[in-house]
């Protein structure tokens, strides 16, 4: 699997530990639900709409639009995901990410990629004076 990044310094308001948790969770999910051999994960950070934007994209299975509406709900995962394997988690990660993003006045959006995988886009308002 290939990992690419494009990182631009951005200052946003918030708790550093919680903001780090957003990025870590999205990157872990992008790796976990990826194509084993030919897959890739792309992480970008930059300015957008007067704040900061984190985008984590990956290859993977096709995600139907009707599933995108529910992936941020607790204990939910895409169809076909085995729930008994301990390395797959319990389905709380994206729910926690959404809660942290909202607590920071931000937004999160999941968009299915043509051919499979997701683009996860997080926007957090800029720090005052930043």
N, C-alpha and C. Protein backbone atom coordinates (compact mmCIF):
# COMPACT_ATOMS: atom_id res chain seq x y z
N UNK A 1 0.85 -1.17 0.00
CA UNK A 1 0.00 0.00 0.00
C UNK A 1 0.90 1.24 0.00
N UNK A 2 0.45 2.26 -0.69
CA UNK A 2 1.20 3.50 -0.82
C UNK A 2 0.54 4.59 0.03
N UNK A 3 1.34 5.40 0.70
CA UNK A 3 0.86 6.52 1.48
C UNK A 3 1.45 7.80 0.90
N UNK A 4 0.57 8.75 0.53
CA UNK A 4 0.99 10.04 0.01
C UNK A 4 0.47 11.13 0.93
N UNK A 5 1.21 12.23 1.01
CA UNK A 5 0.73 13.35 1.83
C UNK A 5 1.09 14.67 1.19
N UNK A 6 0.27 15.65 1.47
CA UNK A 6 0.48 17.04 1.06
C UNK A 6 0.07 17.88 2.26
N UNK A 7 1.04 18.39 3.00
CA UNK A 7 0.77 19.04 4.27
C UNK A 7 1.20 20.50 4.25
N UNK A 8 0.24 21.37 4.53
CA UNK A 8 0.46 22.82 4.59
C UNK A 8 0.16 23.26 6.01
N UNK A 9 1.00 24.08 6.62
CA UNK A 9 0.71 24.53 7.99
C UNK A 9 -0.59 25.35 8.04
N UNK A 10 -1.42 25.03 9.01
CA UNK A 10 -2.69 25.72 9.23
C UNK A 10 -2.90 25.82 10.73
N UNK A 11 -3.43 26.96 11.19
CA UNK A 11 -3.74 27.13 12.61
C UNK A 11 -5.25 27.16 12.78
N UNK A 12 -5.74 26.27 13.63
CA UNK A 12 -7.17 26.21 13.94
C UNK A 12 -7.35 26.27 15.46
N UNK A 13 -8.57 26.58 15.88
CA UNK A 13 -8.90 26.60 17.31
C UNK A 13 -9.27 25.19 17.75
N UNK A 14 -8.80 24.80 18.92
CA UNK A 14 -9.24 23.52 19.44
C UNK A 14 -8.24 22.85 20.34
N UNK A 15 -8.64 21.70 20.82
CA UNK A 15 -7.82 20.87 21.68
C UNK A 15 -6.91 20.01 20.82
N UNK A 16 -5.62 20.19 20.95
CA UNK A 16 -4.65 19.49 20.12
C UNK A 16 -4.76 17.99 20.18
N UNK A 17 -5.01 17.44 21.36
CA UNK A 17 -5.12 15.98 21.51
C UNK A 17 -6.34 15.47 20.75
N UNK A 18 -7.45 16.17 20.86
CA UNK A 18 -8.67 15.73 20.17
C UNK A 18 -8.55 15.91 18.66
N UNK A 19 -7.93 16.99 18.23
CA UNK A 19 -7.73 17.19 16.79
C UNK A 19 -6.80 16.11 16.22
N UNK A 20 -5.79 15.75 16.98
CA UNK A 20 -4.90 14.66 16.57
C UNK A 20 -5.67 13.35 16.45
N UNK A 21 -6.60 13.13 17.35
CA UNK A 21 -7.40 11.90 17.35
C UNK A 21 -8.25 11.82 16.07
N UNK A 22 -8.77 12.96 15.60
CA UNK A 22 -9.53 12.98 14.35
C UNK A 22 -8.65 12.43 13.22
N UNK A 23 -7.46 13.01 13.08
CA UNK A 23 -6.56 12.61 12.00
C UNK A 23 -6.17 11.14 12.14
N UNK A 24 -5.79 10.72 13.33
CA UNK A 24 -5.36 9.34 13.56
C UNK A 24 -6.46 8.36 13.21
N UNK A 25 -7.68 8.62 13.66
CA UNK A 25 -8.78 7.71 13.39
C UNK A 25 -9.08 7.60 11.90
N UNK A 26 -9.10 8.74 11.20
CA UNK A 26 -9.40 8.72 9.77
C UNK A 26 -8.30 7.99 8.98
N UNK A 27 -7.05 8.20 9.36
CA UNK A 27 -5.95 7.52 8.68
C UNK A 27 -5.99 6.03 8.96
N UNK A 28 -6.22 5.64 10.22
CA UNK A 28 -6.32 4.21 10.55
C UNK A 28 -7.44 3.53 9.76
N UNK A 29 -8.59 4.19 9.67
CA UNK A 29 -9.70 3.61 8.90
C UNK A 29 -9.34 3.50 7.42
N UNK A 30 -8.68 4.52 6.89
CA UNK A 30 -8.30 4.50 5.47
C UNK A 30 -7.38 3.33 5.18
N UNK A 31 -6.48 3.01 6.10
CA UNK A 31 -5.58 1.88 5.93
C UNK A 31 -6.33 0.56 6.13
N UNK A 32 -7.11 0.48 7.18
CA UNK A 32 -7.82 -0.75 7.54
C UNK A 32 -8.79 -1.21 6.46
N UNK A 33 -9.50 -0.28 5.84
CA UNK A 33 -10.54 -0.63 4.86
C UNK A 33 -10.06 -0.38 3.43
N UNK A 34 -8.80 -0.66 3.17
CA UNK A 34 -8.19 -0.39 1.88
C UNK A 34 -7.98 -1.68 1.10
N UNK A 35 -7.48 -1.52 -0.11
CA UNK A 35 -7.10 -2.67 -0.92
C UNK A 35 -5.75 -3.17 -0.43
N UNK A 36 -5.60 -4.48 -0.23
CA UNK A 36 -4.38 -4.99 0.39
C UNK A 36 -3.09 -4.70 -0.39
N UNK A 37 -3.07 -4.89 -1.67
CA UNK A 37 -1.81 -4.77 -2.42
C UNK A 37 -1.70 -3.47 -3.20
N UNK A 38 -2.67 -3.17 -4.03
CA UNK A 38 -2.57 -2.04 -4.95
C UNK A 38 -3.19 -0.77 -4.39
N UNK A 39 -3.52 -0.75 -3.12
CA UNK A 39 -4.22 0.39 -2.55
C UNK A 39 -3.30 1.56 -2.22
N UNK A 40 -3.93 2.69 -1.95
CA UNK A 40 -3.21 3.88 -1.52
C UNK A 40 -4.06 4.69 -0.56
N UNK A 41 -3.38 5.48 0.25
CA UNK A 41 -4.01 6.43 1.17
C UNK A 41 -3.35 7.77 0.90
N UNK A 42 -4.16 8.82 0.81
CA UNK A 42 -3.65 10.17 0.58
C UNK A 42 -4.18 11.07 1.69
N UNK A 43 -3.27 11.80 2.34
CA UNK A 43 -3.62 12.71 3.42
C UNK A 43 -3.20 14.11 3.00
N UNK A 44 -4.13 15.06 3.09
CA UNK A 44 -3.77 16.44 2.79
C UNK A 44 -4.31 17.35 3.87
N UNK A 45 -3.53 18.37 4.19
CA UNK A 45 -3.91 19.38 5.16
C UNK A 45 -3.64 20.73 4.51
N UNK A 46 -4.60 21.63 4.64
CA UNK A 46 -4.40 22.95 4.06
C UNK A 46 -5.49 23.92 4.51
N UNK A 47 -5.46 25.11 3.97
CA UNK A 47 -6.44 26.14 4.27
C UNK A 47 -7.66 25.96 3.38
N UNK A 48 -8.83 26.23 3.93
CA UNK A 48 -10.08 26.18 3.16
C UNK A 48 -11.17 26.93 3.90
N UNK A 49 -11.88 27.76 3.19
CA UNK A 49 -13.02 28.47 3.76
C UNK A 49 -12.70 29.18 5.07
N UNK A 50 -11.55 29.83 5.14
CA UNK A 50 -11.20 30.57 6.34
C UNK A 50 -10.84 29.70 7.52
N UNK A 51 -10.51 28.46 7.30
CA UNK A 51 -10.11 27.56 8.38
C UNK A 51 -9.14 26.52 7.86
N UNK A 52 -9.12 25.41 8.52
CA UNK A 52 -8.24 24.32 8.11
C UNK A 52 -9.04 23.16 7.57
N UNK A 53 -8.43 22.42 6.66
CA UNK A 53 -9.10 21.27 6.06
C UNK A 53 -8.16 20.08 6.07
N UNK A 54 -8.67 18.95 6.52
CA UNK A 54 -7.99 17.67 6.47
C UNK A 54 -8.78 16.78 5.54
N UNK A 55 -8.11 16.21 4.54
CA UNK A 55 -8.77 15.27 3.63
C UNK A 55 -7.98 13.97 3.67
N UNK A 56 -8.67 12.88 3.98
CA UNK A 56 -8.07 11.55 3.97
C UNK A 56 -8.83 10.74 2.92
N UNK A 57 -8.12 10.31 1.89
CA UNK A 57 -8.72 9.57 0.78
C UNK A 57 -8.07 8.20 0.71
N UNK A 58 -8.83 7.23 0.22
CA UNK A 58 -8.26 5.89 0.05
C UNK A 58 -8.96 5.15 -1.07
N UNK A 59 -8.31 4.07 -1.50
CA UNK A 59 -8.94 3.11 -2.39
C UNK A 59 -9.62 2.09 -1.48
N UNK A 60 -10.45 1.28 -2.02
CA UNK A 60 -11.15 0.28 -1.21
C UNK A 60 -12.40 -0.17 -1.91
N UNK A 61 -13.25 -0.84 -1.15
CA UNK A 61 -14.51 -1.30 -1.71
C UNK A 61 -15.40 -0.12 -2.06
N UNK A 62 -16.28 -0.34 -3.02
CA UNK A 62 -17.28 0.67 -3.37
C UNK A 62 -18.24 0.82 -2.20
N UNK A 63 -18.52 2.06 -1.83
CA UNK A 63 -19.44 2.34 -0.74
C UNK A 63 -20.70 2.95 -1.33
N UNK A 64 -21.83 2.25 -1.22
CA UNK A 64 -23.08 2.78 -1.77
C UNK A 64 -23.51 4.06 -1.05
N UNK A 65 -24.16 4.95 -1.79
CA UNK A 65 -24.61 6.20 -1.22
C UNK A 65 -25.48 6.05 0.02
N UNK A 66 -26.34 5.02 0.04
CA UNK A 66 -27.22 4.85 1.19
C UNK A 66 -26.44 4.47 2.45
N UNK A 67 -25.23 3.91 2.32
CA UNK A 67 -24.41 3.61 3.49
C UNK A 67 -23.71 4.85 4.02
N UNK A 68 -23.40 5.80 3.14
CA UNK A 68 -22.73 7.02 3.58
C UNK A 68 -23.55 7.79 4.60
N UNK A 69 -24.86 7.70 4.49
CA UNK A 69 -25.74 8.40 5.42
C UNK A 69 -25.60 7.88 6.85
N UNK A 70 -25.08 6.66 7.01
CA UNK A 70 -25.08 6.02 8.32
C UNK A 70 -23.70 5.74 8.91
N UNK A 71 -22.62 5.99 8.18
CA UNK A 71 -21.31 5.57 8.68
C UNK A 71 -20.86 6.33 9.92
N UNK A 72 -21.47 7.47 10.21
CA UNK A 72 -21.10 8.23 11.41
C UNK A 72 -21.91 7.83 12.63
N UNK A 73 -22.86 6.91 12.47
CA UNK A 73 -23.66 6.45 13.60
C UNK A 73 -22.87 5.43 14.40
N UNK A 74 -23.05 5.42 15.74
CA UNK A 74 -22.32 4.45 16.56
C UNK A 74 -22.64 3.01 16.16
N UNK A 75 -21.63 2.17 16.23
CA UNK A 75 -21.73 0.73 15.99
C UNK A 75 -22.10 0.37 14.56
N UNK A 76 -21.88 1.31 13.63
CA UNK A 76 -22.19 1.04 12.22
C UNK A 76 -20.90 0.91 11.44
N UNK A 77 -20.90 -0.03 10.51
CA UNK A 77 -19.81 -0.18 9.56
C UNK A 77 -20.42 -0.59 8.24
N UNK A 78 -19.63 -0.51 7.19
CA UNK A 78 -20.12 -0.88 5.87
C UNK A 78 -20.56 -2.33 5.82
N UNK A 79 -21.42 -2.65 4.89
CA UNK A 79 -21.89 -4.03 4.73
C UNK A 79 -20.72 -4.92 4.38
N UNK A 80 -20.81 -6.16 4.81
CA UNK A 80 -19.77 -7.13 4.51
C UNK A 80 -18.58 -7.05 5.45
N UNK A 81 -18.59 -6.16 6.42
CA UNK A 81 -17.48 -6.07 7.37
C UNK A 81 -17.74 -7.04 8.52
N UNK A 82 -16.82 -7.95 8.71
CA UNK A 82 -16.96 -8.94 9.77
C UNK A 82 -16.81 -8.26 11.12
N UNK A 83 -17.74 -8.51 12.03
CA UNK A 83 -17.74 -7.83 13.31
C UNK A 83 -17.04 -8.60 14.42
N UNK A 84 -16.64 -9.84 14.18
CA UNK A 84 -16.07 -10.63 15.26
C UNK A 84 -14.56 -10.51 15.36
N UNK A 85 -13.89 -9.97 14.36
CA UNK A 85 -12.43 -9.85 14.40
C UNK A 85 -12.04 -8.65 15.24
N UNK A 86 -11.18 -8.86 16.22
CA UNK A 86 -10.84 -7.79 17.15
C UNK A 86 -10.07 -6.66 16.49
N UNK A 87 -9.39 -6.89 15.37
CA UNK A 87 -8.61 -5.83 14.72
C UNK A 87 -9.48 -4.89 13.91
N UNK A 88 -10.76 -5.14 13.81
CA UNK A 88 -11.64 -4.30 13.00
C UNK A 88 -12.38 -3.25 13.82
N UNK A 89 -12.24 -3.24 15.13
CA UNK A 89 -12.92 -2.23 15.94
C UNK A 89 -14.39 -2.56 16.11
N UNK A 90 -15.10 -1.63 16.78
CA UNK A 90 -16.51 -1.87 17.10
C UNK A 90 -17.45 -0.88 16.44
N UNK A 91 -16.93 0.02 15.62
CA UNK A 91 -17.81 0.93 14.91
C UNK A 91 -18.08 2.23 15.64
N UNK A 92 -17.21 2.63 16.56
CA UNK A 92 -17.39 3.89 17.27
C UNK A 92 -16.51 5.02 16.72
N UNK A 93 -15.47 4.69 15.98
CA UNK A 93 -14.48 5.66 15.55
C UNK A 93 -15.04 6.86 14.83
N UNK A 94 -15.83 6.64 13.79
CA UNK A 94 -16.37 7.77 13.02
C UNK A 94 -17.41 8.56 13.79
N UNK A 95 -18.12 7.89 14.69
CA UNK A 95 -19.06 8.60 15.55
C UNK A 95 -18.31 9.56 16.48
N UNK A 96 -17.20 9.09 17.04
CA UNK A 96 -16.38 9.94 17.90
C UNK A 96 -15.77 11.08 17.09
N UNK A 97 -15.27 10.77 15.91
CA UNK A 97 -14.68 11.80 15.04
C UNK A 97 -15.72 12.89 14.76
N UNK A 98 -16.92 12.49 14.39
CA UNK A 98 -17.97 13.48 14.10
C UNK A 98 -18.27 14.35 15.32
N UNK A 99 -18.33 13.74 16.50
CA UNK A 99 -18.60 14.50 17.73
C UNK A 99 -17.49 15.51 18.03
N UNK A 100 -16.24 15.10 17.85
CA UNK A 100 -15.11 16.00 18.09
C UNK A 100 -15.10 17.14 17.07
N UNK A 101 -15.36 16.81 15.82
CA UNK A 101 -15.41 17.84 14.78
C UNK A 101 -16.49 18.86 15.10
N UNK A 102 -17.67 18.40 15.46
CA UNK A 102 -18.78 19.31 15.79
C UNK A 102 -18.45 20.15 17.02
N UNK A 103 -17.81 19.54 18.03
CA UNK A 103 -17.45 20.28 19.25
C UNK A 103 -16.47 21.41 18.94
N UNK A 104 -15.73 21.28 17.85
CA UNK A 104 -14.78 22.31 17.42
C UNK A 104 -15.38 23.26 16.39
N UNK A 105 -16.70 23.18 16.19
CA UNK A 105 -17.38 24.07 15.26
C UNK A 105 -17.14 23.73 13.81
N UNK A 106 -16.71 22.49 13.55
CA UNK A 106 -16.36 22.09 12.19
C UNK A 106 -17.40 21.21 11.53
N UNK A 107 -17.04 20.74 10.35
CA UNK A 107 -17.89 19.84 9.58
C UNK A 107 -17.07 18.66 9.10
N UNK A 108 -17.76 17.54 8.86
CA UNK A 108 -17.13 16.36 8.27
C UNK A 108 -18.05 15.83 7.20
N UNK A 109 -17.45 15.37 6.12
CA UNK A 109 -18.22 14.85 4.99
C UNK A 109 -17.50 13.61 4.43
N UNK A 110 -18.29 12.61 4.12
CA UNK A 110 -17.76 11.40 3.47
C UNK A 110 -18.32 11.35 2.06
N UNK A 111 -17.43 11.17 1.09
CA UNK A 111 -17.83 11.09 -0.32
C UNK A 111 -17.25 9.81 -0.90
N UNK A 112 -18.12 9.01 -1.52
CA UNK A 112 -17.66 7.78 -2.17
C UNK A 112 -16.83 8.13 -3.39
N UNK A 113 -15.70 7.46 -3.54
CA UNK A 113 -14.84 7.67 -4.70
C UNK A 113 -15.29 6.75 -5.84
N UNK A 114 -15.30 7.25 -7.06
CA UNK A 114 -15.62 6.38 -8.19
C UNK A 114 -14.61 5.22 -8.23
N UNK A 115 -15.08 4.02 -8.33
CA UNK A 115 -14.19 2.86 -8.37
C UNK A 115 -13.87 2.28 -7.00
N UNK A 116 -14.30 2.94 -5.92
CA UNK A 116 -14.11 2.41 -4.58
C UNK A 116 -13.29 3.30 -3.68
N UNK A 117 -13.55 3.19 -2.39
CA UNK A 117 -12.88 4.00 -1.39
C UNK A 117 -13.67 5.26 -1.07
N UNK A 118 -13.09 6.07 -0.20
CA UNK A 118 -13.77 7.28 0.28
C UNK A 118 -12.83 8.48 0.29
N UNK A 119 -13.44 9.65 0.23
CA UNK A 119 -12.78 10.91 0.56
C UNK A 119 -13.45 11.39 1.84
N UNK A 120 -12.69 11.51 2.92
CA UNK A 120 -13.21 12.04 4.19
C UNK A 120 -12.66 13.45 4.33
N UNK A 121 -13.57 14.44 4.40
CA UNK A 121 -13.17 15.85 4.41
C UNK A 121 -13.62 16.49 5.73
N UNK A 122 -12.65 16.99 6.50
CA UNK A 122 -12.92 17.67 7.78
C UNK A 122 -12.51 19.12 7.65
N UNK A 123 -13.38 20.01 8.08
CA UNK A 123 -13.06 21.44 8.11
C UNK A 123 -13.27 21.97 9.52
N UNK A 124 -12.25 22.67 10.01
CA UNK A 124 -12.27 23.26 11.35
C UNK A 124 -12.02 24.75 11.19
N UNK A 125 -12.79 25.61 11.90
CA UNK A 125 -12.58 27.06 11.79
C UNK A 125 -11.16 27.46 12.20
N UNK A 126 -10.68 28.55 11.62
CA UNK A 126 -9.36 29.09 11.94
C UNK A 126 -9.33 29.60 13.37
N UNK A 127 -8.14 29.60 13.93
CA UNK A 127 -7.93 30.18 15.26
C UNK A 127 -8.11 31.70 15.15
N UNK A 128 -8.61 32.35 16.20
CA UNK A 128 -8.72 33.81 16.16
C UNK A 128 -7.36 34.44 15.86
N UNK A 129 -7.35 35.33 14.90
CA UNK A 129 -6.10 35.98 14.52
C UNK A 129 -5.20 35.08 13.69
N UNK A 130 -5.69 33.84 13.31
CA UNK A 130 -4.86 32.90 12.56
C UNK A 130 -5.35 32.78 11.20
